Amino acid sequence: MLEARNANHQMKKLTQDEFRALRDRLGLPVPDEALDADLPPYLHPGADSPEVRYVAECRRALGGPIPSRTVSHQPLPAPAERPFQSLEKGSKQPVATTMAFVRLVKDLMKEPETGRRWVPIVPDEARTFGMESLFPTAKIYSPLGQRYESVDRDLLLSYQEAVDGQLLIEGITEAGSMASFTAAASSYATHGEAMIPFYIFYSMFGWQRTGDQMWALADQLGRGFLIGATAGRTTMTGEGLQHADGHSQLLASVNPACLAYDPAFGYEVAEIVREGLRRMYGPDGEDVFYYLTLYNEALPQPAMPEGVREGILKGIYRYSSGGGQAHLLASGTAIHWALAAQRLLQEEYGVGVDVWSVTSWSELRRDAMTSAGVPYLQQALAGTEGPVIAVSDWMRAVPDQISPWIDRPWISLGTDGFGLSGTRESVREHFGVDPRSIADAVLKSVEEAGRR
């Protein structure tokens, strides 16, 4: 009999004897002569049979025999300028980009028309991301309200649950958090009500643990913001290898619906979020979602320079001119190492280099692959000379995405391999991405370029 063969994947068709055995086993009303042909006959139980009536009822409930997705897009009004301007002004007080994002969303949640549509989602440790400021106002959703006294009840920003709470704190379940995110991200279609979810998580626990759900999110045309906080290989060096993320940007880059950014400054975060709201929730309502990698390294936040908004959204702009003998391309927290290397090179060697902020390696690559004319990357670097050195807190394959469109000597520095525990400075020296290592790479590239 067929059951004992374990041959399901190898069997392409049944023999006549096997068809007869199947007919007899199931008690099908098929005569032997009907099985003599190459193909067995189709059976129909009758138009008035219970089976057919059941199928017809289900089809009517679904709106017809062919599945369809009907979406009535209702664009949301653009938020006020004030929340974005706060980050554009910069801050002398050290602020991590994770905190900058949370502050921006906190202000956006106060918007009279769209504030109630934000859905903050966090699987654990909301305080780690500075989200406790949302507890007293937005509150944490619980269908039963708060049924206990929280351990932090004596604090000003204590844990507060409510039946009308806006925050979703899911416990330690990334899969559950992604399920909530997907539900909110697709509510514009399933319920005709657009929600603006942002799911914030330890960067390492996103694409690695729930990457398949993120692909399902894209299949369902979900919209929202995924926030990989405490990103990079070297910014969380004291909690073990499980936090040393050097590759999420590479994983995100292969998802066609994902717009992946690695911003360095608070004002970059503001411009990316503003554009994301326009693209996902504006008049055109694109079926994309955003992935931002943010850092827990508190650093002074500069004011937004003039004329850089297009470069922020496209993926690259010149942040600091220094002479143009070489060009340092850096993303995320690595731009601070590049700026330190720029100062070191000028002061110790008299070598002047320009520092460029790369907000998205993958968006630059997509533009270059699809552009009918000159890619934006080449437009940005037009008129410059000298070698290009790329550096990030990611493995070198992340910046290497754009290397085919760099028509001059290219070097990428990154954090390939496993992470390790230690101070940030020592770990960055280990991977060769600290300011001194960057400066050495520049000197070598400039020297080799001079020999050509």
Protein backbone atom coordinates (compact mmCIF):
# COMPACT_ATOMS: atom_id res chain seq x y z
CA MET A 1 0.00 0.00 0.00
CA LEU A 2 1.07 3.61 -0.60
CA GLU A 3 0.94 4.56 3.08
CA ALA A 4 4.04 2.53 3.98
CA ARG A 5 6.30 3.81 1.24
CA ASN A 6 7.11 7.26 2.64
CA ALA A 7 7.39 8.28 -0.98
CA ASN A 8 5.14 11.34 -1.12
CA HIS A 9 7.79 13.69 -2.55
CA GLN A 10 9.05 11.11 -5.05
CA MET A 11 5.70 10.01 -6.52
CA LYS A 12 4.70 12.03 -9.56
CA LYS A 13 1.64 10.01 -10.61
CA LEU A 14 -0.36 6.96 -9.59
CA THR A 15 -0.60 3.73 -11.57
CA GLN A 16 -3.97 2.30 -12.56
CA ASP A 17 -3.79 -0.28 -9.77
CA GLU A 18 -2.99 2.47 -7.25
CA PHE A 19 -5.97 4.50 -8.47
CA ARG A 20 -8.24 1.48 -7.95
CA ALA A 21 -6.83 0.89 -4.46
CA LEU A 22 -7.44 4.53 -3.59
CA ARG A 23 -11.02 4.33 -4.96
CA ASP A 24 -11.77 1.23 -2.93
CA ARG A 25 -10.20 2.66 0.21
CA LEU A 26 -12.32 5.84 0.01
CA GLY A 27 -15.43 4.17 -1.34
CA LEU A 28 -15.67 6.44 -4.39
CA PRO A 29 -18.41 5.71 -6.98
CA VAL A 30 -16.02 5.30 -9.92
CA PRO A 31 -16.36 2.26 -12.24
CA ASP A 32 -13.25 0.42 -13.45
CA GLU A 33 -13.72 1.56 -17.06
CA ALA A 34 -13.50 5.20 -15.94
CA LEU A 35 -9.98 4.51 -14.68
CA ASP A 36 -8.68 3.11 -17.96
CA ALA A 37 -7.87 6.57 -19.33
CA ASP A 38 -4.66 8.48 -18.55
CA LEU A 39 -6.44 10.79 -16.11
CA PRO A 40 -9.01 9.74 -13.53
CA PRO A 41 -12.45 11.38 -13.72
CA TYR A 42 -13.47 14.35 -11.63
CA LEU A 43 -16.26 13.71 -9.14
CA HIS A 44 -18.95 16.17 -8.21
CA PRO A 45 -21.16 15.43 -5.19
CA GLY A 46 -24.13 17.28 -6.71
CA ALA A 47 -25.31 20.86 -6.64
CA ASP A 48 -27.55 20.27 -3.63
CA SER A 49 -25.10 18.21 -1.60
CA PRO A 50 -24.07 19.43 1.90
CA GLU A 51 -20.50 19.85 0.71
CA VAL A 52 -21.36 22.09 -2.23
CA ARG A 53 -23.85 24.12 -0.16
CA TYR A 54 -21.13 24.71 2.45
CA VAL A 55 -18.60 25.85 -0.14
CA ALA A 56 -21.15 28.17 -1.75
CA GLU A 57 -21.97 29.77 1.60
CA CYS A 58 -18.29 30.35 2.32
CA ARG A 59 -17.79 31.90 -1.10
CA ARG A 60 -20.68 34.29 -0.56
CA ALA A 61 -19.26 35.28 2.84
CA LEU A 62 -15.90 36.02 1.20
CA GLY A 63 -17.51 38.20 -1.46
CA GLY A 64 -17.27 35.82 -4.41
CA PRO A 65 -15.26 32.90 -5.79
CA ILE A 66 -12.10 34.96 -6.41
CA PRO A 67 -10.34 36.39 -3.32
CA SER A 68 -9.86 40.14 -3.50
CA ARG A 69 -8.28 42.83 -1.34
CA THR A 70 -10.31 46.01 -1.27
CA VAL A 71 -8.58 49.00 0.28
CA SER A 72 -10.08 52.44 0.64
CA HIS A 73 -7.01 54.53 1.45
CA GLN A 74 -7.71 57.44 3.76
CA PRO A 75 -4.59 59.63 3.94
CA LEU A 76 -3.63 61.09 7.28
CA PRO A 77 -2.85 64.80 7.67
CA ALA A 78 0.79 65.74 7.94
CA PRO A 79 1.88 66.46 11.52
CA ALA A 80 2.95 69.90 12.67
CA GLU A 81 6.53 71.05 12.17
CA ARG A 82 7.36 71.59 15.84
CA PRO A 83 8.23 67.98 16.78
CA PHE A 84 10.72 67.76 13.92
CA GLN A 85 12.18 71.20 14.49
CA SER A 86 13.10 70.21 18.02
CA LEU A 87 15.56 67.62 16.69
CA GLU A 88 16.68 69.81 13.79
CA LYS A 89 17.96 72.40 16.29
CA GLY A 90 20.35 69.88 17.82
CA SER A 91 21.41 69.61 21.44
CA LYS A 92 24.63 70.35 23.30
CA GLN A 93 23.55 67.86 25.91
CA PRO A 94 24.58 64.33 24.89
CA VAL A 95 21.61 62.43 23.48
CA ALA A 96 21.54 58.94 21.96
CA THR A 97 19.68 58.55 18.67
CA THR A 98 17.40 56.01 20.39
CA MET A 99 16.35 58.73 22.83
CA ALA A 100 15.97 61.24 20.01
CA PHE A 101 13.49 58.94 18.28
CA VAL A 102 11.49 58.30 21.45
CA ARG A 103 11.28 62.05 22.13
CA LEU A 104 10.08 62.66 18.58
CA VAL A 105 7.35 60.03 18.84
CA LYS A 106 6.30 61.32 22.24
CA ASP A 107 5.71 64.74 20.67
CA LEU A 108 3.97 63.24 17.63
CA MET A 109 1.61 61.33 19.93
CA LYS A 110 0.36 64.70 21.18
CA GLU A 111 -0.81 65.71 17.70
CA PRO A 112 -4.58 66.36 17.88
CA GLU A 113 -5.47 64.56 14.63
CA THR A 114 -2.97 61.71 14.36
CA GLY A 115 -1.51 61.28 17.85
CA ARG A 116 -4.03 58.62 18.87
CA ARG A 117 -3.04 56.49 15.86
CA TRP A 118 0.50 55.81 17.06
CA VAL A 119 1.00 52.27 18.41
CA PRO A 120 4.25 51.97 20.41
CA ILE A 121 5.26 48.31 20.78
CA VAL A 122 8.11 47.01 22.94
CA PRO A 123 8.78 43.38 23.91
CA ASP A 124 10.69 44.16 27.09
CA GLU A 125 12.67 46.81 28.95
CA ALA A 126 10.77 49.92 27.89
CA ARG A 127 12.88 51.88 30.37
CA THR A 128 16.02 50.85 28.50
CA PHE A 129 14.75 52.85 25.53
CA GLY A 130 13.66 55.82 27.64
CA MET A 131 9.98 55.11 27.13
CA GLU A 132 8.95 55.52 30.77
CA SER A 133 8.00 59.12 29.99
CA LEU A 134 5.03 57.67 28.07
CA PHE A 135 3.67 55.69 31.04
CA PRO A 136 1.71 58.48 32.78
CA THR A 137 0.14 59.92 29.62
CA ALA A 138 -0.21 57.18 26.99
CA LYS A 139 -0.37 54.33 29.54
CA ILE A 140 0.07 50.63 28.82
CA TYR A 141 -2.83 48.75 27.29
CA SER A 142 -4.49 46.04 29.37
CA PRO A 143 -8.03 44.79 28.65
CA LEU A 144 -8.60 44.50 32.40
CA GLY A 145 -6.87 47.67 33.51
CA GLN A 146 -4.22 47.63 36.24
CA ARG A 147 -5.01 44.81 38.66
CA TYR A 148 -1.93 45.03 40.89
CA GLU A 149 0.45 47.52 42.50
CA SER A 150 3.55 47.90 40.37
CA VAL A 151 6.95 47.56 42.01
CA ASP A 152 7.87 51.09 40.83
CA ARG A 153 4.62 52.70 42.04
CA ASP A 154 6.53 55.25 44.14
CA LEU A 155 8.34 56.65 41.10
CA LEU A 156 7.03 59.68 39.26
CA LEU A 157 7.08 57.75 35.97
CA SER A 158 5.65 54.50 37.29
CA TYR A 159 4.32 51.57 35.29
CA GLN A 160 0.63 52.27 34.59
CA GLU A 161 -1.86 50.05 32.79
CA ALA A 162 -5.30 51.07 31.50
CA VAL A 163 -8.06 49.67 29.33
CA ASP A 164 -7.53 52.61 26.95
CA GLY A 165 -3.72 52.45 27.12
CA GLN A 166 -1.79 53.17 23.94
CA LEU A 167 1.48 51.31 24.57
CA LEU A 168 1.76 47.59 23.90
CA ILE A 169 4.34 46.03 26.22
CA GLU A 170 4.31 42.39 25.21
CA GLY A 171 6.75 40.79 27.64
CA ILE A 172 9.73 38.88 26.30
CA THR A 173 8.18 37.78 23.03
CA GLU A 174 9.54 39.16 19.79
CA ALA A 175 7.16 36.92 17.82
CA GLY A 176 4.17 38.28 19.71
CA SER A 177 5.40 41.83 19.26
CA MET A 178 5.77 41.32 15.50
CA ALA A 179 2.26 39.88 15.37
CA SER A 180 0.91 43.01 17.07
CA PHE A 181 2.98 45.19 14.75
CA THR A 182 1.65 43.40 11.67
CA ALA A 183 -1.94 43.75 12.86
CA ALA A 184 -1.51 47.51 13.35
CA ALA A 185 0.55 47.88 10.16
CA SER A 186 -2.20 46.33 8.04
CA SER A 187 -5.20 47.86 9.82
CA TYR A 188 -5.52 50.50 7.09
CA ALA A 189 -6.71 47.64 4.85
CA THR A 190 -8.34 45.17 7.22
CA HIS A 191 -10.30 47.78 9.19
CA GLY A 192 -10.14 50.87 7.01
CA GLU A 193 -8.32 52.70 9.82
CA ALA A 194 -4.67 53.62 9.38
CA MET A 195 -2.51 53.09 12.46
CA ILE A 196 1.14 54.15 12.84
CA PRO A 197 2.93 51.36 14.67
CA PHE A 198 6.52 51.49 15.77
CA TYR A 199 8.10 48.39 17.22
CA ILE A 200 11.31 49.09 19.13
CA PHE A 201 13.60 46.21 20.05
CA TYR A 202 17.21 45.34 20.71
CA SER A 203 18.67 45.42 17.22
CA MET A 204 20.05 41.87 17.38
CA PHE A 205 16.63 40.47 18.27
CA GLY A 206 14.84 41.70 15.17
CA TRP A 207 15.72 40.33 11.74
CA GLN A 208 17.55 37.37 13.26
CA ARG A 209 14.67 36.12 15.42
CA THR A 210 11.62 37.27 13.49
CA GLY A 211 12.89 37.89 9.97
CA ASP A 212 10.30 35.55 8.47
CA GLN A 213 7.54 37.59 10.11
CA MET A 214 9.06 40.71 8.59
CA TRP A 215 8.82 39.09 5.17
CA ALA A 216 5.20 38.19 5.95
CA LEU A 217 4.68 41.83 6.90
CA ALA A 218 5.87 42.83 3.44
CA ASP A 219 3.58 40.24 1.82
CA GLN A 220 0.64 41.76 3.71
CA LEU A 221 1.63 45.26 2.53
CA GLY A 222 2.13 46.45 6.10
CA ARG A 223 3.23 50.00 6.91
CA GLY A 224 5.05 51.30 9.96
CA PHE A 225 8.43 51.77 11.63
CA LEU A 226 10.70 48.97 12.84
CA ILE A 227 13.32 50.36 15.22
CA GLY A 228 16.48 48.33 15.80
CA ALA A 229 17.78 50.10 18.89
CA THR A 230 21.18 49.54 20.53
CA ALA A 231 22.39 48.69 17.04
CA GLY A 232 25.86 47.88 15.80
CA ARG A 233 28.55 45.40 16.74
CA THR A 234 30.39 47.54 19.28
CA THR A 235 27.85 49.70 21.13
CA MET A 236 26.53 46.98 23.47
CA THR A 237 29.78 45.28 24.45
CA GLY A 238 28.99 44.49 28.07
CA GLU A 239 26.02 42.14 27.70
CA GLY A 240 27.52 39.33 25.66
CA LEU A 241 27.57 38.28 22.03
CA GLN A 242 23.78 38.14 21.83
CA HIS A 243 23.70 41.95 21.59
CA ALA A 244 26.59 42.38 19.12
CA ASP A 245 24.65 43.04 15.93
CA GLY A 246 26.80 43.62 12.88
CA HIS A 247 24.57 42.32 10.12
CA SER A 248 20.90 43.35 10.52
CA GLN A 249 21.31 46.10 7.93
CA LEU A 250 22.46 43.47 5.44
CA LEU A 251 19.48 41.21 6.18
CA ALA A 252 17.07 44.13 5.89
CA SER A 253 18.53 45.20 2.55
CA VAL A 254 17.19 42.13 0.73
CA ASN A 255 13.53 42.79 1.60
CA PRO A 256 12.03 44.74 -1.32
CA ALA A 257 9.43 46.51 0.84
CA CYS A 258 11.88 47.60 3.55
CA LEU A 259 13.52 51.02 3.48
CA ALA A 260 16.54 50.56 5.77
CA TYR A 261 18.34 53.57 7.28
CA ASP A 262 21.27 53.91 9.67
CA PRO A 263 21.08 57.56 10.80
CA ALA A 264 23.90 59.22 12.71
CA PHE A 265 22.16 62.29 14.16
CA GLY A 266 18.83 63.24 15.68
CA TYR A 267 17.95 65.56 12.80
CA GLU A 268 18.47 62.68 10.35
CA VAL A 269 16.02 60.62 12.38
CA ALA A 270 13.51 63.48 12.21
CA GLU A 271 13.73 63.84 8.43
CA ILE A 272 13.48 60.09 7.81
CA VAL A 273 10.42 59.74 10.05
CA ARG A 274 8.79 62.79 8.44
CA GLU A 275 9.33 61.30 4.98
CA GLY A 276 8.14 57.90 6.15
CA LEU A 277 4.87 59.38 7.37
CA ARG A 278 4.39 61.11 4.03
CA ARG A 279 5.16 58.04 1.93
CA MET A 280 3.16 55.53 3.96
CA TYR A 281 0.26 57.67 5.18
CA GLY A 282 0.11 60.58 2.75
CA PRO A 283 -2.05 60.86 -0.40
CA ASP A 284 -0.21 58.10 -2.30
CA GLY A 285 0.01 55.55 0.55
CA GLU A 286 2.96 53.42 -0.57
CA ASP A 287 3.19 49.79 0.54
CA VAL A 288 6.56 50.04 2.28
CA PHE A 289 7.83 49.95 5.84
CA TYR A 290 10.85 51.61 7.44
CA TYR A 291 13.70 50.05 9.40
CA LEU A 292 15.88 52.44 11.41
CA THR A 293 18.92 51.31 13.36
CA LEU A 294 19.55 53.56 16.35
CA TYR A 295 22.26 53.70 19.01
CA ASN A 296 22.39 53.95 22.79
CA GLU A 297 25.59 56.03 22.75
CA ALA A 298 24.83 59.48 24.18
CA LEU A 299 26.66 62.11 22.11
CA PRO A 300 26.15 65.84 21.41
CA GLN A 301 23.61 66.35 18.63
CA PRO A 302 24.49 68.99 16.01
CA ALA A 303 21.95 71.24 14.35
CA MET A 304 20.82 70.28 10.88
CA PRO A 305 23.01 71.90 8.19
CA GLU A 306 21.43 73.75 5.31
CA GLY A 307 20.56 71.88 2.13
CA VAL A 308 21.04 68.30 3.31
CA ARG A 309 17.46 66.99 3.42
CA GLU A 310 17.57 65.41 -0.03
CA GLY A 311 20.85 63.70 0.78
CA ILE A 312 19.47 62.36 4.06
CA LEU A 313 16.55 60.73 2.28
CA LYS A 314 18.52 59.57 -0.75
CA GLY A 315 21.29 58.10 1.41
CA ILE A 316 24.37 60.37 1.42
CA TYR A 317 25.52 63.96 1.90
CA ARG A 318 28.79 65.72 2.73
CA TYR A 319 28.71 66.51 6.44
CA SER A 320 32.18 68.00 6.97
CA SER A 321 34.53 69.40 4.32
CA GLY A 322 38.18 69.05 5.20
CA GLY A 323 40.27 69.27 2.05
CA GLY A 324 39.11 66.44 -0.17
CA GLN A 325 42.36 64.46 -0.37
CA ALA A 326 40.27 61.45 0.62
CA HIS A 327 36.64 60.83 1.49
CA LEU A 328 35.36 59.10 4.61
CA LEU A 329 31.87 57.62 4.19
CA ALA A 330 30.33 56.70 7.54
CA SER A 331 26.93 55.68 8.86
CA GLY A 332 25.33 55.62 12.28
CA THR A 333 27.58 56.02 15.28
CA ALA A 334 30.65 55.45 13.09
CA ILE A 335 30.49 59.03 11.84
CA HIS A 336 31.89 60.14 15.19
CA TRP A 337 34.93 57.90 14.68
CA ALA A 338 35.32 59.32 11.17
CA LEU A 339 35.18 62.90 12.47
CA ALA A 340 37.81 62.08 15.10
CA ALA A 341 39.97 60.55 12.36
CA GLN A 342 39.50 63.68 10.26
CA ARG A 343 40.85 65.85 13.10
CA LEU A 344 43.73 63.46 13.76
CA LEU A 345 44.78 63.42 10.11
CA GLN A 346 44.76 67.20 9.86
CA GLU A 347 46.56 67.84 13.13
CA GLU A 348 49.22 65.13 12.92
CA TYR A 349 49.77 64.65 9.18
CA GLY A 350 48.35 67.72 7.45
CA VAL A 351 46.04 65.50 5.40
CA GLY A 352 42.62 67.00 4.71
CA VAL A 353 39.67 64.65 4.22
CA ASP A 354 35.94 65.11 3.78
CA VAL A 355 33.44 63.23 5.96
CA TRP A 356 30.17 62.09 4.42
CA SER A 357 27.14 60.87 6.32
CA VAL A 358 25.64 57.76 4.70
CA THR A 359 22.13 57.37 6.04
CA SER A 360 21.36 54.31 3.89
CA TRP A 361 23.80 52.06 2.07
CA SER A 362 20.97 49.93 0.70
CA GLU A 363 18.91 52.84 -0.64
CA LEU A 364 21.99 54.11 -2.49
CA ARG A 365 22.41 50.66 -4.00
CA ARG A 366 18.76 50.41 -5.04
CA ASP A 367 18.92 53.81 -6.67
CA ALA A 368 22.10 52.89 -8.53
CA MET A 369 20.60 49.60 -9.75
CA THR A 370 17.39 51.19 -11.03
CA SER A 371 18.51 54.64 -12.14
CA ALA A 372 18.17 55.34 -15.85
CA GLY A 373 20.70 58.15 -15.59
CA VAL A 374 23.55 58.94 -13.22
CA PRO A 375 22.99 57.30 -9.81
CA TYR A 376 22.56 59.68 -6.89
CA LEU A 377 25.74 58.35 -5.27
CA GLN A 378 27.80 59.41 -8.26
CA GLN A 379 26.01 62.75 -8.45
CA ALA A 380 26.89 63.42 -4.81
CA LEU A 381 30.58 62.58 -5.31
CA ALA A 382 30.84 64.38 -8.66
CA GLY A 383 33.69 66.87 -8.80
CA THR A 384 35.64 65.21 -6.00
CA GLU A 385 38.89 63.28 -6.20
CA GLY A 386 40.82 60.95 -3.98
CA PRO A 387 40.21 57.50 -2.52
CA VAL A 388 37.06 56.53 -0.66
CA ILE A 389 37.13 54.83 2.74
CA ALA A 390 33.83 53.50 4.09
CA VAL A 391 33.33 52.73 7.79
CA SER A 392 30.40 51.56 9.89
CA ASP A 393 29.56 49.49 12.96
CA TRP A 394 28.42 46.76 10.56
CA MET A 395 30.21 44.05 8.67
CA ARG A 396 31.99 45.28 5.57
CA ALA A 397 29.42 43.69 3.26
CA VAL A 398 27.01 46.48 4.28
CA PRO A 399 29.00 49.41 2.81
CA ASP A 400 30.37 47.15 0.08
CA GLN A 401 26.88 47.26 -1.44
CA ILE A 402 27.77 50.56 -3.13
CA SER A 403 31.38 49.78 -4.12
CA PRO A 404 30.55 48.89 -7.78
CA TRP A 405 29.56 52.52 -8.35
CA ILE A 406 32.73 54.02 -6.82
CA ASP A 407 35.10 54.67 -9.73
CA ARG A 408 38.23 55.20 -7.62
CA PRO A 409 40.25 53.34 -4.96
CA TRP A 410 37.89 51.90 -2.32
CA ILE A 411 38.44 50.50 1.16
CA SER A 412 35.74 49.37 3.58
CA LEU A 413 36.27 49.01 7.31
CA GLY A 414 33.81 47.09 9.45
CA THR A 415 33.11 44.67 12.24
CA ASP A 416 33.23 41.26 10.55
CA GLY A 417 33.21 38.22 12.80
CA PHE A 418 31.80 37.68 16.26
CA GLY A 419 31.45 40.42 18.82
CA LEU A 420 33.29 40.39 22.13
CA SER A 421 33.08 41.97 25.53
CA GLY A 422 35.19 44.96 26.46
CA THR A 423 35.09 48.73 26.43
CA ARG A 424 33.76 50.33 23.29
CA GLU A 425 37.19 51.79 22.59
CA SER A 426 39.02 48.46 22.90
CA VAL A 427 36.47 46.56 20.83
CA ARG A 428 36.60 49.17 18.06
CA GLU A 429 40.37 48.98 18.07
CA HIS A 430 40.06 45.19 17.80
CA PHE A 431 37.91 45.49 14.67
CA GLY A 432 40.04 48.29 13.19
CA VAL A 433 37.29 50.90 13.11
CA ASP A 434 38.61 53.27 15.81
CA PRO A 435 39.84 56.74 14.75
CA ARG A 436 43.51 55.71 14.63
CA SER A 437 42.77 52.68 12.43
CA ILE A 438 40.61 54.81 10.14
CA ALA A 439 43.39 57.39 9.86
CA ASP A 440 45.91 54.67 9.01
CA ALA A 441 43.62 53.39 6.26
CA VAL A 442 43.32 56.91 4.83
CA LEU A 443 47.08 57.45 4.88
CA LYS A 444 47.67 54.15 3.11
CA SER A 445 45.03 54.93 0.47
CA VAL A 446 46.38 58.43 -0.17
CA GLU A 447 49.92 57.11 -0.46
CA GLU A 448 48.92 54.37 -2.90
CA ALA A 449 46.86 56.83 -4.95
CA GLY A 450 49.92 59.09 -5.21
CA ARG A 451 51.97 56.28 -6.76
CA ARG A 452 49.49 55.71 -9.58
